Amino acid sequence: MNAKNYEILSGNTLVAIWTNNTLTIHNETLLPLYLKKIQNADLLL
């Protein structure tokens, strides 16, 4: 199974990391509203 890992950025600022189906938030202020509510990067991307 392929692991899908993403870094979610706002400009050059790290906002969150999606690793092994887990969302780790680094900057909640810049996190897209959809991810705040759903917390699934695979559905967003």
C-alpha atoms as a PDB file:
ATOM      1  CA  MET A   1       0.000   0.000   0.000  1.00  0.00           C
ATOM      2  CA  ASN A   2       1.312   3.441  -0.889  1.00  0.00           C
ATOM      3  CA  ALA A   3       1.473   5.906   1.957  1.00  0.00           C
ATOM      4  CA  LYS A   4       0.160   9.344   1.062  1.00  0.00           C
ATOM      5  CA  ASN A   5       1.992  12.039   2.960  1.00  0.00           C
ATOM      6  CA  TYR A   6       1.398  15.746   2.363  1.00  0.00           C
ATOM      7  CA  GLU A   7       2.733  19.015   3.675  1.00  0.00           C
ATOM      8  CA  ILE A   8       0.049  21.679   3.560  1.00  0.00           C
ATOM      9  CA  LEU A   9       1.474  25.158   3.083  1.00  0.00           C
ATOM     10  CA  SER A  10       0.220  28.710   3.015  1.00  0.00           C
ATOM     11  CA  GLY A  11       2.832  30.493   0.945  1.00  0.00           C
ATOM     12  CA  ASN A  12       6.084  29.349   2.551  1.00  0.00           C
ATOM     13  CA  THR A  13       4.496  28.674   5.953  1.00  0.00           C
ATOM     14  CA  LEU A  14       3.885  25.088   7.056  1.00  0.00           C
ATOM     15  CA  VAL A  15       0.255  24.758   8.138  1.00  0.00           C
ATOM     16  CA  ALA A  16      -0.195  21.010   8.609  1.00  0.00           C
ATOM     17  CA  ILE A  17       1.227  17.599   7.774  1.00  0.00           C
ATOM     18  CA  TRP A  18      -0.876  14.648   6.629  1.00  0.00           C
ATOM     19  CA  THR A  19       0.943  11.387   7.458  1.00  0.00           C
ATOM     20  CA  ASN A  20      -0.517   7.873   7.627  1.00  0.00           C
ATOM     21  CA  ASN A  21      -4.095   9.224   7.634  1.00  0.00           C
ATOM     22  CA  THR A  22      -3.349  11.537  10.553  1.00  0.00           C
ATOM     23  CA  LEU A  23      -3.491  15.335  10.359  1.00  0.00           C
ATOM     24  CA  THR A  24      -0.909  17.150  12.470  1.00  0.00           C
ATOM     25  CA  ILE A  25      -1.717  20.861  12.653  1.00  0.00           C
ATOM     26  CA  HIS A  26       1.175  23.314  12.982  1.00  0.00           C
ATOM     27  CA  ASN A  27      -0.692  26.597  12.422  1.00  0.00           C
ATOM     28  CA  GLU A  28      -4.442  26.396  13.043  1.00  0.00           C
ATOM     29  CA  THR A  29      -4.973  30.042  12.059  1.00  0.00           C
ATOM     30  CA  LEU A  30      -3.907  29.323   8.465  1.00  0.00           C
ATOM     31  CA  LEU A  31      -5.538  25.889   8.226  1.00  0.00           C
ATOM     32  CA  PRO A  32      -8.292  25.769   5.567  1.00  0.00           C
ATOM     33  CA  LEU A  33     -11.778  25.626   7.092  1.00  0.00           C
ATOM     34  CA  TYR A  34     -12.507  22.340   5.308  1.00  0.00           C
ATOM     35  CA  LEU A  35      -9.566  20.644   7.038  1.00  0.00           C
ATOM     36  CA  LYS A  36     -10.587  22.097  10.403  1.00  0.00           C
ATOM     37  CA  LYS A  37     -13.977  20.418  10.082  1.00  0.00           C
ATOM     38  CA  ILE A  38     -13.235  17.239   8.101  1.00  0.00           C
ATOM     39  CA  GLN A  39      -9.503  16.651   8.887  1.00  0.00           C
ATOM     40  CA  ASN A  40      -8.984  14.457   5.835  1.00  0.00           C
ATOM     41  CA  ALA A  41      -6.425  15.710   3.330  1.00  0.00           C
ATOM     42  CA  ASP A  42      -7.181  12.908   0.859  1.00  0.00           C
ATOM     43  CA  LEU A  43     -10.747  14.206   0.434  1.00  0.00           C
ATOM     44  CA  LEU A  44      -9.523  17.788   0.014  1.00  0.00           C
ATOM     45  CA  LEU A  45      -6.832  16.931  -2.524  1.00  0.00           C
END
